[in-house]
Protein backbone atom coordinates (compact mmCIF):
# COMPACT_ATOMS: atom_id res chain seq x y z
CA MET A 1 -26.93 -8.20 18.20
CA LEU A 2 -23.55 -6.61 18.63
CA ASP A 3 -22.69 -5.98 22.34
CA LEU A 4 -20.01 -3.34 22.07
CA ASP A 5 -19.82 -2.70 25.93
CA ALA A 6 -19.17 -6.59 26.41
CA ILE A 7 -16.45 -6.51 23.70
CA LYS A 8 -14.92 -3.48 25.19
CA ALA A 9 -14.87 -5.16 28.52
CA ARG A 10 -13.35 -8.04 27.38
CA LEU A 11 -10.66 -6.03 25.41
CA ALA A 12 -9.84 -3.84 28.36
CA ALA A 13 -9.50 -7.27 30.65
CA ALA A 14 -7.01 -8.79 28.06
CA THR A 15 -3.18 -8.54 28.40
CA PRO A 16 -2.21 -5.31 26.64
CA GLY A 17 -0.24 -5.86 23.65
CA PRO A 18 1.44 -5.99 21.52
CA TRP A 19 1.28 -9.69 21.12
CA GLU A 20 3.70 -11.21 18.81
CA GLU A 21 3.63 -14.58 17.02
CA GLU A 22 6.87 -16.62 17.09
CA ARG A 23 8.21 -17.36 13.85
CA GLU A 24 11.34 -19.71 12.74
CA GLY A 25 14.14 -18.90 10.33
CA GLY A 26 12.28 -19.51 7.35
CA GLY A 27 9.32 -17.28 8.26
CA TYR A 28 7.12 -20.25 9.42
CA PRO A 29 4.90 -19.83 12.40
CA THR A 30 6.04 -21.89 15.62
CA GLY A 31 2.52 -21.76 16.97
CA VAL A 32 3.80 -19.73 19.97
CA VAL A 33 2.21 -16.29 20.79
CA TYR A 34 4.01 -13.84 23.27
CA GLY A 35 2.46 -11.17 25.16
CA PRO A 36 4.31 -8.59 26.75
CA ASP A 37 4.96 -10.60 30.05
CA CYS A 38 4.25 -14.36 29.31
CA THR A 39 3.55 -16.94 26.68
CA VAL A 40 -0.04 -16.83 25.83
CA THR A 41 -0.50 -19.98 23.83
CA SER A 42 1.44 -22.66 21.73
CA CYS A 43 0.42 -25.26 19.18
CA ASP A 44 1.82 -28.50 17.85
CA SER A 45 4.30 -27.30 14.77
CA GLU A 46 5.14 -30.87 13.80
CA PRO A 47 5.00 -31.56 10.02
CA GLY A 48 1.31 -31.83 8.86
CA THR A 49 0.06 -29.87 11.71
CA LEU A 50 0.80 -26.44 10.67
CA HIS A 51 -2.35 -25.41 10.07
CA GLN A 52 -2.90 -25.35 13.95
CA CYS A 53 -0.75 -22.54 13.98
CA THR A 54 -3.16 -20.39 12.26
CA ASN A 55 -4.83 -20.29 15.78
CA ALA A 56 -1.70 -18.62 17.32
CA ILE A 57 -1.85 -15.92 14.54
CA PHE A 58 -5.33 -15.05 15.04
CA ILE A 59 -4.94 -14.81 18.79
CA ALA A 60 -1.77 -12.82 18.34
CA ASN A 61 -3.66 -10.10 16.26
CA ALA A 62 -6.97 -10.44 18.03
CA PRO A 63 -6.31 -7.32 20.43
CA SER A 64 -5.51 -4.72 17.70
CA ASP A 65 -8.16 -6.22 15.39
CA ILE A 66 -10.72 -6.03 18.09
CA ALA A 67 -10.03 -2.60 19.06
CA ALA A 68 -10.19 -1.44 15.61
CA LEU A 69 -13.58 -2.80 14.96
CA VAL A 70 -14.67 -1.30 18.31
CA ARG A 71 -13.42 2.18 16.99
CA SER A 72 -15.16 1.58 13.60
CA GLU A 73 -18.31 0.64 14.89
CA GLU A 74 -18.24 3.61 17.55
CA ARG A 75 -17.77 6.08 14.65
CA ARG A 76 -20.48 4.45 12.57
CA VAL A 77 -23.07 4.47 15.24
CA GLY A 78 -22.13 8.11 16.11
CA LYS A 79 -22.69 9.21 12.71
CA GLU A 80 -26.01 7.57 12.67
CA CYS A 81 -27.02 9.23 15.77
CA ARG A 82 -26.07 12.55 14.45
CA SER A 83 -27.76 12.00 10.96
CA ARG A 84 -31.05 11.29 12.88
CA TRP A 85 -31.28 14.92 14.42
């Protein structure tokens, strides 16, 4: 079951964005994610381990992705409630 209140609480407690992933000159992710006031995470960007940097990309986009999902679910639930009456 989707616990929207718990998701919203975690979202509210997270460092506000925007968060950004750092990229090298060639556009490759470095695995470092910056929040507005700190470095949030990093990964090993040595050759052969670039796939680990996908975690940094995921983390950098999580706040905006989750906020969009919460808004979408609230709209959907609201429409269901209105259609029942």
